[in-house]
Amino acid sequence: MPEHYLYVLSVNGLLLLISIIFNYFPPKKINRFYGYRTHKSMLNQDIWDSANRVFNKTLISYALASFIVALLLAYLNPEMMTSWVPMALLFFTVIVCIYKTEQEIKQHFDDEGKRK
């Protein structure tokens, strides 16, 4: 297997695998080790469940899109894929998922953690 495909699999493929694991095994209780952990998401169980549901749903869709784009780019321009592009796609995916999750929390919960 050419190294540019291996790089895409090890970066974007790993993110997709993690998103699938999170989707099928979401964290049940608030903890400091597994799940979408921010100060606001850990205020109460209701926010925790909502934030993890939104993050997992968003992560799986963006990770899949990132993986497909990275594979397509690896096919079209293999030299480009041995540089920073797969990592940039991963970074973009994670930032977008965090942003969307925080927007969802802000939309449905107040600063004290109560539903609006």
C-alpha atoms as a PDB file:
ATOM      1  CA  MET A   1       0.000   0.000   0.000  1.00  0.00           C
ATOM      2  CA  PRO A   2       1.468   3.399  -0.954  1.00  0.00           C
ATOM      3  CA  GLU A   3       2.481   5.539   1.984  1.00  0.00           C
ATOM      4  CA  HIS A   4       0.046   8.366   1.198  1.00  0.00           C
ATOM      5  CA  TYR A   5      -2.912   5.977   1.618  1.00  0.00           C
ATOM      6  CA  LEU A   6      -1.377   4.619   4.802  1.00  0.00           C
ATOM      7  CA  TYR A   7      -1.065   8.165   6.139  1.00  0.00           C
ATOM      8  CA  VAL A   8      -4.716   8.903   5.334  1.00  0.00           C
ATOM      9  CA  LEU A   9      -5.790   5.665   7.016  1.00  0.00           C
ATOM     10  CA  SER A  10      -3.699   6.348  10.101  1.00  0.00           C
ATOM     11  CA  VAL A  11      -4.961   9.924  10.526  1.00  0.00           C
ATOM     12  CA  ASN A  12      -8.427  10.285   9.013  1.00  0.00           C
ATOM     13  CA  GLY A  13      -9.288   6.590   9.199  1.00  0.00           C
ATOM     14  CA  LEU A  14      -8.436   6.512  12.900  1.00  0.00           C
ATOM     15  CA  LEU A  15     -10.682   9.509  13.529  1.00  0.00           C
ATOM     16  CA  LEU A  16     -13.515   7.743  11.697  1.00  0.00           C
ATOM     17  CA  LEU A  17     -12.955   4.597  13.766  1.00  0.00           C
ATOM     18  CA  ILE A  18     -13.010   6.597  17.009  1.00  0.00           C
ATOM     19  CA  SER A  19     -16.231   8.327  15.925  1.00  0.00           C
ATOM     20  CA  ILE A  20     -17.864   4.948  15.268  1.00  0.00           C
ATOM     21  CA  ILE A  21     -16.755   3.675  18.685  1.00  0.00           C
ATOM     22  CA  PHE A  22     -18.134   6.818  20.364  1.00  0.00           C
ATOM     23  CA  ASN A  23     -21.386   6.382  18.458  1.00  0.00           C
ATOM     24  CA  TYR A  24     -21.917   2.771  19.548  1.00  0.00           C
ATOM     25  CA  PHE A  25     -20.469   3.148  23.066  1.00  0.00           C
ATOM     26  CA  PRO A  26     -21.356   6.642  24.280  1.00  0.00           C
ATOM     27  CA  PRO A  27     -20.440   7.522  27.864  1.00  0.00           C
ATOM     28  CA  LYS A  28     -23.320   6.865  30.238  1.00  0.00           C
ATOM     29  CA  LYS A  29     -22.261   8.965  33.208  1.00  0.00           C
ATOM     30  CA  ILE A  30     -20.260  12.153  33.601  1.00  0.00           C
ATOM     31  CA  ASN A  31     -16.577  11.268  33.869  1.00  0.00           C
ATOM     32  CA  ARG A  32     -13.169  12.807  33.257  1.00  0.00           C
ATOM     33  CA  PHE A  33     -11.856  10.144  30.874  1.00  0.00           C
ATOM     34  CA  TYR A  34     -14.310   9.394  28.074  1.00  0.00           C
ATOM     35  CA  GLY A  35     -16.756  11.532  26.140  1.00  0.00           C
ATOM     36  CA  TYR A  36     -17.248  15.178  25.254  1.00  0.00           C
ATOM     37  CA  ARG A  37     -15.765  16.870  28.311  1.00  0.00           C
ATOM     38  CA  THR A  38     -16.003  20.604  28.757  1.00  0.00           C
ATOM     39  CA  HIS A  39     -16.884  22.573  31.863  1.00  0.00           C
ATOM     40  CA  LYS A  40     -20.380  23.254  30.584  1.00  0.00           C
ATOM     41  CA  SER A  41     -21.026  19.715  29.328  1.00  0.00           C
ATOM     42  CA  MET A  42     -20.191  18.349  32.770  1.00  0.00           C
ATOM     43  CA  LEU A  43     -22.575  20.607  34.733  1.00  0.00           C
ATOM     44  CA  ASN A  44     -25.313  17.960  34.900  1.00  0.00           C
ATOM     45  CA  GLN A  45     -26.383  14.658  33.364  1.00  0.00           C
ATOM     46  CA  ASP A  46     -28.911  16.264  30.995  1.00  0.00           C
ATOM     47  CA  ILE A  47     -26.274  18.483  29.376  1.00  0.00           C
ATOM     48  CA  TRP A  48     -23.794  15.599  29.369  1.00  0.00           C
ATOM     49  CA  ASP A  49     -26.182  13.309  27.465  1.00  0.00           C
ATOM     50  CA  SER A  50     -27.199  16.031  25.017  1.00  0.00           C
ATOM     51  CA  ALA A  51     -23.639  17.214  24.352  1.00  0.00           C
ATOM     52  CA  ASN A  52     -22.332  13.694  23.783  1.00  0.00           C
ATOM     53  CA  ARG A  53     -25.237  12.823  21.491  1.00  0.00           C
ATOM     54  CA  VAL A  54     -24.672  15.954  19.362  1.00  0.00           C
ATOM     55  CA  PHE A  55     -20.879  15.606  19.347  1.00  0.00           C
ATOM     56  CA  ASN A  56     -21.006  11.923  18.378  1.00  0.00           C
ATOM     57  CA  LYS A  57     -23.515  12.533  15.585  1.00  0.00           C
ATOM     58  CA  THR A  58     -21.523  15.470  14.247  1.00  0.00           C
ATOM     59  CA  LEU A  59     -18.176  13.701  14.599  1.00  0.00           C
ATOM     60  CA  ILE A  60     -19.227  10.619  12.656  1.00  0.00           C
ATOM     61  CA  SER A  61     -20.576  12.652   9.735  1.00  0.00           C
ATOM     62  CA  TYR A  62     -17.608  15.032   9.536  1.00  0.00           C
ATOM     63  CA  ALA A  63     -15.061  12.252  10.098  1.00  0.00           C
ATOM     64  CA  LEU A  64     -16.603  10.277   7.238  1.00  0.00           C
ATOM     65  CA  ALA A  65     -16.535  13.336   4.979  1.00  0.00           C
ATOM     66  CA  SER A  66     -12.932  14.080   6.003  1.00  0.00           C
ATOM     67  CA  PHE A  67     -11.907  10.486   5.285  1.00  0.00           C
ATOM     68  CA  ILE A  68     -13.545  10.496   1.837  1.00  0.00           C
ATOM     69  CA  VAL A  69     -11.993  13.851   0.920  1.00  0.00           C
ATOM     70  CA  ALA A  70      -8.563  12.689   2.114  1.00  0.00           C
ATOM     71  CA  LEU A  71      -8.798   9.469   0.073  1.00  0.00           C
ATOM     72  CA  LEU A  72      -9.918  11.413  -2.992  1.00  0.00           C
ATOM     73  CA  LEU A  73      -7.059  13.874  -2.588  1.00  0.00           C
ATOM     74  CA  ALA A  74      -4.607  10.990  -2.089  1.00  0.00           C
ATOM     75  CA  TYR A  75      -5.790   9.497  -5.352  1.00  0.00           C
ATOM     76  CA  LEU A  76      -5.648  12.789  -7.279  1.00  0.00           C
ATOM     77  CA  ASN A  77      -2.413  14.177  -5.833  1.00  0.00           C
ATOM     78  CA  PRO A  78      -0.421  11.646  -3.764  1.00  0.00           C
ATOM     79  CA  GLU A  79       2.474  14.030  -3.039  1.00  0.00           C
ATOM     80  CA  MET A  80       0.151  16.482  -1.311  1.00  0.00           C
ATOM     81  CA  MET A  81      -1.107  13.780   1.064  1.00  0.00           C
ATOM     82  CA  THR A  82       2.265  13.132   2.660  1.00  0.00           C
ATOM     83  CA  SER A  83       2.283  16.644   4.063  1.00  0.00           C
ATOM     84  CA  TRP A  84      -0.041  18.520   6.385  1.00  0.00           C
ATOM     85  CA  VAL A  85      -3.342  18.002   4.512  1.00  0.00           C
ATOM     86  CA  PRO A  86      -4.682  14.925   6.405  1.00  0.00           C
ATOM     87  CA  MET A  87      -3.844  16.561   9.738  1.00  0.00           C
ATOM     88  CA  ALA A  88      -5.519  19.802   8.632  1.00  0.00           C
ATOM     89  CA  LEU A  89      -8.657  17.850   7.722  1.00  0.00           C
ATOM     90  CA  LEU A  90      -8.585  16.150  11.130  1.00  0.00           C
ATOM     91  CA  PHE A  91      -8.094  19.466  12.917  1.00  0.00           C
ATOM     92  CA  PHE A  92     -10.909  21.099  10.941  1.00  0.00           C
ATOM     93  CA  THR A  93     -13.230  18.168  11.714  1.00  0.00           C
ATOM     94  CA  VAL A  94     -12.618  18.346  15.451  1.00  0.00           C
ATOM     95  CA  ILE A  95     -12.951  22.148  15.587  1.00  0.00           C
ATOM     96  CA  VAL A  96     -16.246  22.087  13.667  1.00  0.00           C
ATOM     97  CA  CYS A  97     -17.635  19.328  15.915  1.00  0.00           C
ATOM     98  CA  ILE A  98     -16.705  21.237  19.075  1.00  0.00           C
ATOM     99  CA  TYR A  99     -18.194  24.449  17.698  1.00  0.00           C
ATOM    100  CA  LYS A 100     -21.469  22.771  16.684  1.00  0.00           C
ATOM    101  CA  THR A 101     -21.763  21.015  20.049  1.00  0.00           C
ATOM    102  CA  GLU A 102     -21.144  24.211  22.007  1.00  0.00           C
ATOM    103  CA  GLN A 103     -23.723  26.039  19.877  1.00  0.00           C
ATOM    104  CA  GLU A 104     -26.243  23.300  20.614  1.00  0.00           C
ATOM    105  CA  ILE A 105     -25.535  23.473  24.357  1.00  0.00           C
ATOM    106  CA  LYS A 106     -25.855  27.261  24.304  1.00  0.00           C
ATOM    107  CA  GLN A 107     -29.135  27.042  22.400  1.00  0.00           C
ATOM    108  CA  HIS A 108     -30.801  24.552  24.766  1.00  0.00           C
ATOM    109  CA  PHE A 109     -29.270  25.280  28.189  1.00  0.00           C
ATOM    110  CA  ASP A 110     -28.646  28.404  30.251  1.00  0.00           C
ATOM    111  CA  ASP A 111     -25.369  29.217  32.045  1.00  0.00           C
ATOM    112  CA  GLU A 112     -26.469  27.330  35.157  1.00  0.00           C
ATOM    113  CA  GLY A 113     -27.225  24.150  33.223  1.00  0.00           C
ATOM    114  CA  LYS A 114     -31.010  24.379  33.188  1.00  0.00           C
ATOM    115  CA  ARG A 115     -32.978  23.690  30.014  1.00  0.00           C
ATOM    116  CA  LYS A 116     -34.328  26.793  28.308  1.00  0.00           C
END
